[in-house]
Amino acid sequence: MPRSPVQIRLSTPEETCRFAERLGARLRPGDTLLLSGPIGAGKSHFARCLIQSLQDIPEEVPSPTFTIVQSYEMPAGEIWHADLYRLSDPQELAELGLDEAFETAICLVEWPERLGSAQPASALRLGFGPGALPDARVLVLAWESPGWDTRLEGLCGD
């Protein structure tokens, strides 16, 4: 049964980072976040903040726009950050190993519509859009897997 989407307003890039950090603390291997939105909506900023929040010593987190996938070994497990903007065919996913990573790693996927039917049903969907001010964002969270209900409790202003 699909859950009702939850909308969160983030006024600044710092608020976006704080939300990413709080969500990151709740993730575990096998979790997938699908990050949607237009170019410049804040997907990469969010992913960078989340990844850095899970590193023992925060280090540079480059955008995987050209490499398509970057992976990081963390105390919490492996994290895969994928930017599928340049992916031309969902068949390329097997070559990248992303289908296996969905089962064993925390996966952050930008441009998830390029996955086609390979989008994990248990994923948490995060839709990024512009807010009322230049640095503000509106974030819409949606999920079908009931496991997210309790894991997101208290995070989304409920």
C-alpha atoms as a PDB file:
ATOM      1  CA  MET A   1       0.000   0.000   0.000  1.00  0.00           C
ATOM      2  CA  PRO A   2       1.611   3.326  -1.062  1.00  0.00           C
ATOM      3  CA  ARG A   3       2.178   5.884   1.681  1.00  0.00           C
ATOM      4  CA  SER A   4       1.114   9.502   1.359  1.00  0.00           C
ATOM      5  CA  PRO A   5       4.024  11.708   0.300  1.00  0.00           C
ATOM      6  CA  VAL A   6       5.540  13.928   2.997  1.00  0.00           C
ATOM      7  CA  GLN A   7       6.643  17.447   2.068  1.00  0.00           C
ATOM      8  CA  ILE A   8       9.503  19.195   3.880  1.00  0.00           C
ATOM      9  CA  ARG A   9      10.624  22.771   3.347  1.00  0.00           C
ATOM     10  CA  LEU A  10      14.363  23.371   3.664  1.00  0.00           C
ATOM     11  CA  SER A  11      15.233  27.087   3.806  1.00  0.00           C
ATOM     12  CA  THR A  12      19.008  26.917   3.347  1.00  0.00           C
ATOM     13  CA  PRO A  13      21.739  24.569   2.101  1.00  0.00           C
ATOM     14  CA  GLU A  14      22.687  24.090   5.769  1.00  0.00           C
ATOM     15  CA  GLU A  15      19.156  22.876   6.584  1.00  0.00           C
ATOM     16  CA  THR A  16      19.399  20.471   3.660  1.00  0.00           C
ATOM     17  CA  CYS A  17      22.691  19.154   5.105  1.00  0.00           C
ATOM     18  CA  ARG A  18      21.212  18.737   8.574  1.00  0.00           C
ATOM     19  CA  PHE A  19      18.275  16.776   7.160  1.00  0.00           C
ATOM     20  CA  ALA A  20      20.675  14.590   5.120  1.00  0.00           C
ATOM     21  CA  GLU A  21      22.737  13.898   8.262  1.00  0.00           C
ATOM     22  CA  ARG A  22      19.668  12.939  10.299  1.00  0.00           C
ATOM     23  CA  LEU A  23      18.389  10.647   7.542  1.00  0.00           C
ATOM     24  CA  GLY A  24      21.854   9.159   7.003  1.00  0.00           C
ATOM     25  CA  ALA A  25      22.017   8.100  10.652  1.00  0.00           C
ATOM     26  CA  ARG A  26      18.919   5.920  10.040  1.00  0.00           C
ATOM     27  CA  LEU A  27      20.211   4.100   6.956  1.00  0.00           C
ATOM     28  CA  ARG A  28      21.625   0.601   6.776  1.00  0.00           C
ATOM     29  CA  PRO A  29      22.985  -1.674   4.029  1.00  0.00           C
ATOM     30  CA  GLY A  30      20.249  -2.594   1.548  1.00  0.00           C
ATOM     31  CA  ASP A  31      18.614   0.855   1.709  1.00  0.00           C
ATOM     32  CA  THR A  32      18.192   2.818  -1.505  1.00  0.00           C
ATOM     33  CA  LEU A  33      17.384   6.513  -1.820  1.00  0.00           C
ATOM     34  CA  LEU A  34      16.132   7.642  -5.237  1.00  0.00           C
ATOM     35  CA  LEU A  35      16.938  11.354  -5.670  1.00  0.00           C
ATOM     36  CA  SER A  36      14.826  13.106  -8.332  1.00  0.00           C
ATOM     37  CA  GLY A  37      14.606  16.687  -9.476  1.00  0.00           C
ATOM     38  CA  PRO A  38      15.903  19.049 -12.141  1.00  0.00           C
ATOM     39  CA  ILE A  39      19.543  20.030 -12.551  1.00  0.00           C
ATOM     40  CA  GLY A  40      20.522  22.330  -9.695  1.00  0.00           C
ATOM     41  CA  ALA A  41      17.728  21.156  -7.376  1.00  0.00           C
ATOM     42  CA  GLY A  42      20.132  20.005  -4.649  1.00  0.00           C
ATOM     43  CA  LYS A  43      20.425  16.250  -5.241  1.00  0.00           C
ATOM     44  CA  SER A  44      24.237  16.176  -5.265  1.00  0.00           C
ATOM     45  CA  HIS A  45      24.488  18.583  -2.316  1.00  0.00           C
ATOM     46  CA  PHE A  46      22.164  16.348  -0.299  1.00  0.00           C
ATOM     47  CA  ALA A  47      24.106  13.179  -1.253  1.00  0.00           C
ATOM     48  CA  ARG A  48      27.456  14.820  -0.437  1.00  0.00           C
ATOM     49  CA  CYS A  49      26.214  15.912   3.018  1.00  0.00           C
ATOM     50  CA  LEU A  50      24.772  12.487   3.774  1.00  0.00           C
ATOM     51  CA  ILE A  51      27.941  10.648   2.738  1.00  0.00           C
ATOM     52  CA  GLN A  52      30.228  13.008   4.662  1.00  0.00           C
ATOM     53  CA  SER A  53      28.075  12.646   7.767  1.00  0.00           C
ATOM     54  CA  LEU A  54      28.772   8.878   7.752  1.00  0.00           C
ATOM     55  CA  GLN A  55      32.535   9.149   7.224  1.00  0.00           C
ATOM     56  CA  ASP A  56      34.823   8.906  10.252  1.00  0.00           C
ATOM     57  CA  ILE A  57      36.829  11.793   8.823  1.00  0.00           C
ATOM     58  CA  PRO A  58      34.783  13.763   6.271  1.00  0.00           C
ATOM     59  CA  GLU A  59      36.589  13.911   2.949  1.00  0.00           C
ATOM     60  CA  GLU A  60      35.878  15.313  -0.495  1.00  0.00           C
ATOM     61  CA  VAL A  61      32.856  13.680  -2.119  1.00  0.00           C
ATOM     62  CA  PRO A  62      32.944  14.353  -5.852  1.00  0.00           C
ATOM     63  CA  SER A  63      29.854  14.173  -8.016  1.00  0.00           C
ATOM     64  CA  PRO A  64      29.774  10.895  -9.960  1.00  0.00           C
ATOM     65  CA  THR A  65      28.470  12.660 -13.084  1.00  0.00           C
ATOM     66  CA  PHE A  66      31.311  11.359 -15.249  1.00  0.00           C
ATOM     67  CA  THR A  67      32.263   8.177 -13.383  1.00  0.00           C
ATOM     68  CA  ILE A  68      28.545   7.299 -12.979  1.00  0.00           C
ATOM     69  CA  VAL A  69      29.232   5.524  -9.657  1.00  0.00           C
ATOM     70  CA  GLN A  70      31.432   6.355  -6.658  1.00  0.00           C
ATOM     71  CA  SER A  71      31.622   3.948  -3.729  1.00  0.00           C
ATOM     72  CA  TYR A  72      32.761   4.564  -0.168  1.00  0.00           C
ATOM     73  CA  GLU A  73      33.664   2.143   2.612  1.00  0.00           C
ATOM     74  CA  MET A  74      32.074   3.343   5.849  1.00  0.00           C
ATOM     75  CA  PRO A  75      31.732   2.021   9.388  1.00  0.00           C
ATOM     76  CA  ALA A  76      27.996   1.626   8.597  1.00  0.00           C
ATOM     77  CA  GLY A  77      28.801  -0.369   5.448  1.00  0.00           C
ATOM     78  CA  GLU A  78      29.463   0.458   1.834  1.00  0.00           C
ATOM     79  CA  ILE A  79      27.758   3.459   0.218  1.00  0.00           C
ATOM     80  CA  TRP A  80      27.243   3.748  -3.517  1.00  0.00           C
ATOM     81  CA  HIS A  81      26.491   7.167  -5.008  1.00  0.00           C
ATOM     82  CA  ALA A  82      25.271   6.926  -8.592  1.00  0.00           C
ATOM     83  CA  ASP A  83      24.466   9.711 -11.025  1.00  0.00           C
ATOM     84  CA  LEU A  84      22.632   8.087 -13.910  1.00  0.00           C
ATOM     85  CA  TYR A  85      22.206  11.258 -15.980  1.00  0.00           C
ATOM     86  CA  ARG A  86      24.574   9.899 -18.644  1.00  0.00           C
ATOM     87  CA  LEU A  87      23.209   6.345 -18.572  1.00  0.00           C
ATOM     88  CA  SER A  88      21.798   5.586 -21.993  1.00  0.00           C
ATOM     89  CA  ASP A  89      20.402   2.097 -21.436  1.00  0.00           C
ATOM     90  CA  PRO A  90      19.156   0.402 -18.236  1.00  0.00           C
ATOM     91  CA  GLN A  91      21.063  -2.727 -19.409  1.00  0.00           C
ATOM     92  CA  GLU A  92      24.256  -0.891 -18.361  1.00  0.00           C
ATOM     93  CA  LEU A  93      23.223  -1.341 -14.711  1.00  0.00           C
ATOM     94  CA  ALA A  94      24.471  -4.933 -14.680  1.00  0.00           C
ATOM     95  CA  GLU A  95      27.882  -3.752 -15.920  1.00  0.00           C
ATOM     96  CA  LEU A  96      28.021  -1.181 -13.112  1.00  0.00           C
ATOM     97  CA  GLY A  97      27.026  -3.733 -10.468  1.00  0.00           C
ATOM     98  CA  LEU A  98      24.325  -1.421  -9.176  1.00  0.00           C
ATOM     99  CA  ASP A  99      21.710  -4.169  -9.122  1.00  0.00           C
ATOM    100  CA  GLU A 100      23.858  -6.123  -6.626  1.00  0.00           C
ATOM    101  CA  ALA A 101      24.650  -2.981  -4.626  1.00  0.00           C
ATOM    102  CA  PHE A 102      20.911  -2.459  -4.039  1.00  0.00           C
ATOM    103  CA  GLU A 103      21.019  -5.613  -1.903  1.00  0.00           C
ATOM    104  CA  THR A 104      24.279  -5.064  -0.016  1.00  0.00           C
ATOM    105  CA  ALA A 105      25.043  -1.334   0.206  1.00  0.00           C
ATOM    106  CA  ILE A 106      23.402   1.966   1.006  1.00  0.00           C
ATOM    107  CA  CYS A 107      22.652   3.394  -2.451  1.00  0.00           C
ATOM    108  CA  LEU A 108      22.002   7.021  -3.357  1.00  0.00           C
ATOM    109  CA  VAL A 109      20.774   7.266  -6.946  1.00  0.00           C
ATOM    110  CA  GLU A 110      20.424  10.534  -8.828  1.00  0.00           C
ATOM    111  CA  TRP A 111      18.264  10.498 -11.978  1.00  0.00           C
ATOM    112  CA  PRO A 112      16.527   7.235 -10.927  1.00  0.00           C
ATOM    113  CA  GLU A 113      14.067   7.405 -13.821  1.00  0.00           C
ATOM    114  CA  ARG A 114      16.957   6.049 -15.924  1.00  0.00           C
ATOM    115  CA  LEU A 115      16.639   2.789 -13.940  1.00  0.00           C
ATOM    116  CA  GLY A 116      13.326   2.055 -15.604  1.00  0.00           C
ATOM    117  CA  SER A 117      11.749  -1.031 -14.047  1.00  0.00           C
ATOM    118  CA  ALA A 118      14.950  -1.755 -12.088  1.00  0.00           C
ATOM    119  CA  GLN A 119      13.997   0.773  -9.375  1.00  0.00           C
ATOM    120  CA  PRO A 120      13.915  -1.119  -6.065  1.00  0.00           C
ATOM    121  CA  ALA A 121      10.335  -1.269  -4.750  1.00  0.00           C
ATOM    122  CA  SER A 122      11.648  -0.806  -1.208  1.00  0.00           C
ATOM    123  CA  ALA A 123      13.401   2.483  -2.048  1.00  0.00           C
ATOM    124  CA  LEU A 124      12.735   5.807  -0.370  1.00  0.00           C
ATOM    125  CA  ARG A 125      11.994   8.410  -3.053  1.00  0.00           C
ATOM    126  CA  LEU A 126      13.164  11.982  -2.495  1.00  0.00           C
ATOM    127  CA  GLY A 127      11.926  14.605  -4.943  1.00  0.00           C
ATOM    128  CA  PHE A 128      13.828  17.906  -4.861  1.00  0.00           C
ATOM    129  CA  GLY A 129      12.315  21.144  -6.113  1.00  0.00           C
ATOM    130  CA  PRO A 130      12.926  24.866  -5.785  1.00  0.00           C
ATOM    131  CA  GLY A 131      11.588  26.723  -2.754  1.00  0.00           C
ATOM    132  CA  ALA A 132      10.313  30.286  -2.461  1.00  0.00           C
ATOM    133  CA  LEU A 133      13.827  31.755  -2.051  1.00  0.00           C
ATOM    134  CA  PRO A 134      16.911  31.060  -4.205  1.00  0.00           C
ATOM    135  CA  ASP A 135      18.605  28.639  -1.751  1.00  0.00           C
ATOM    136  CA  ALA A 136      15.388  27.102  -0.417  1.00  0.00           C
ATOM    137  CA  ARG A 137      14.236  23.635  -1.432  1.00  0.00           C
ATOM    138  CA  VAL A 138      11.035  21.666  -1.182  1.00  0.00           C
ATOM    139  CA  LEU A 139      11.668  17.991  -0.566  1.00  0.00           C
ATOM    140  CA  VAL A 140       8.942  15.385  -1.095  1.00  0.00           C
ATOM    141  CA  LEU A 141       9.481  11.947   0.436  1.00  0.00           C
ATOM    142  CA  ALA A 142       7.481   8.949  -0.757  1.00  0.00           C
ATOM    143  CA  TRP A 143       7.733   5.230  -0.068  1.00  0.00           C
ATOM    144  CA  GLU A 144       5.791   2.016  -0.388  1.00  0.00           C
ATOM    145  CA  SER A 145       7.761  -0.232   1.940  1.00  0.00           C
ATOM    146  CA  PRO A 146       6.210  -0.140   5.442  1.00  0.00           C
ATOM    147  CA  GLY A 147       9.692  -0.387   6.960  1.00  0.00           C
ATOM    148  CA  TRP A 148      10.202   3.316   6.279  1.00  0.00           C
ATOM    149  CA  ASP A 149       7.190   4.280   8.422  1.00  0.00           C
ATOM    150  CA  THR A 150       8.934   3.777  11.750  1.00  0.00           C
ATOM    151  CA  ARG A 151      12.422   4.655  10.495  1.00  0.00           C
ATOM    152  CA  LEU A 152      11.260   8.095   9.362  1.00  0.00           C
ATOM    153  CA  GLU A 153       9.251   8.746  12.521  1.00  0.00           C
ATOM    154  CA  GLY A 154      10.182  12.109  14.026  1.00  0.00           C
ATOM    155  CA  LEU A 155      12.329  13.032  11.032  1.00  0.00           C
ATOM    156  CA  CYS A 156       9.667  14.531   8.819  1.00  0.00           C
ATOM    157  CA  GLY A 157       8.017  16.826  11.323  1.00  0.00           C
ATOM    158  CA  ASP A 158       5.361  14.348  12.458  1.00  0.00           C
END
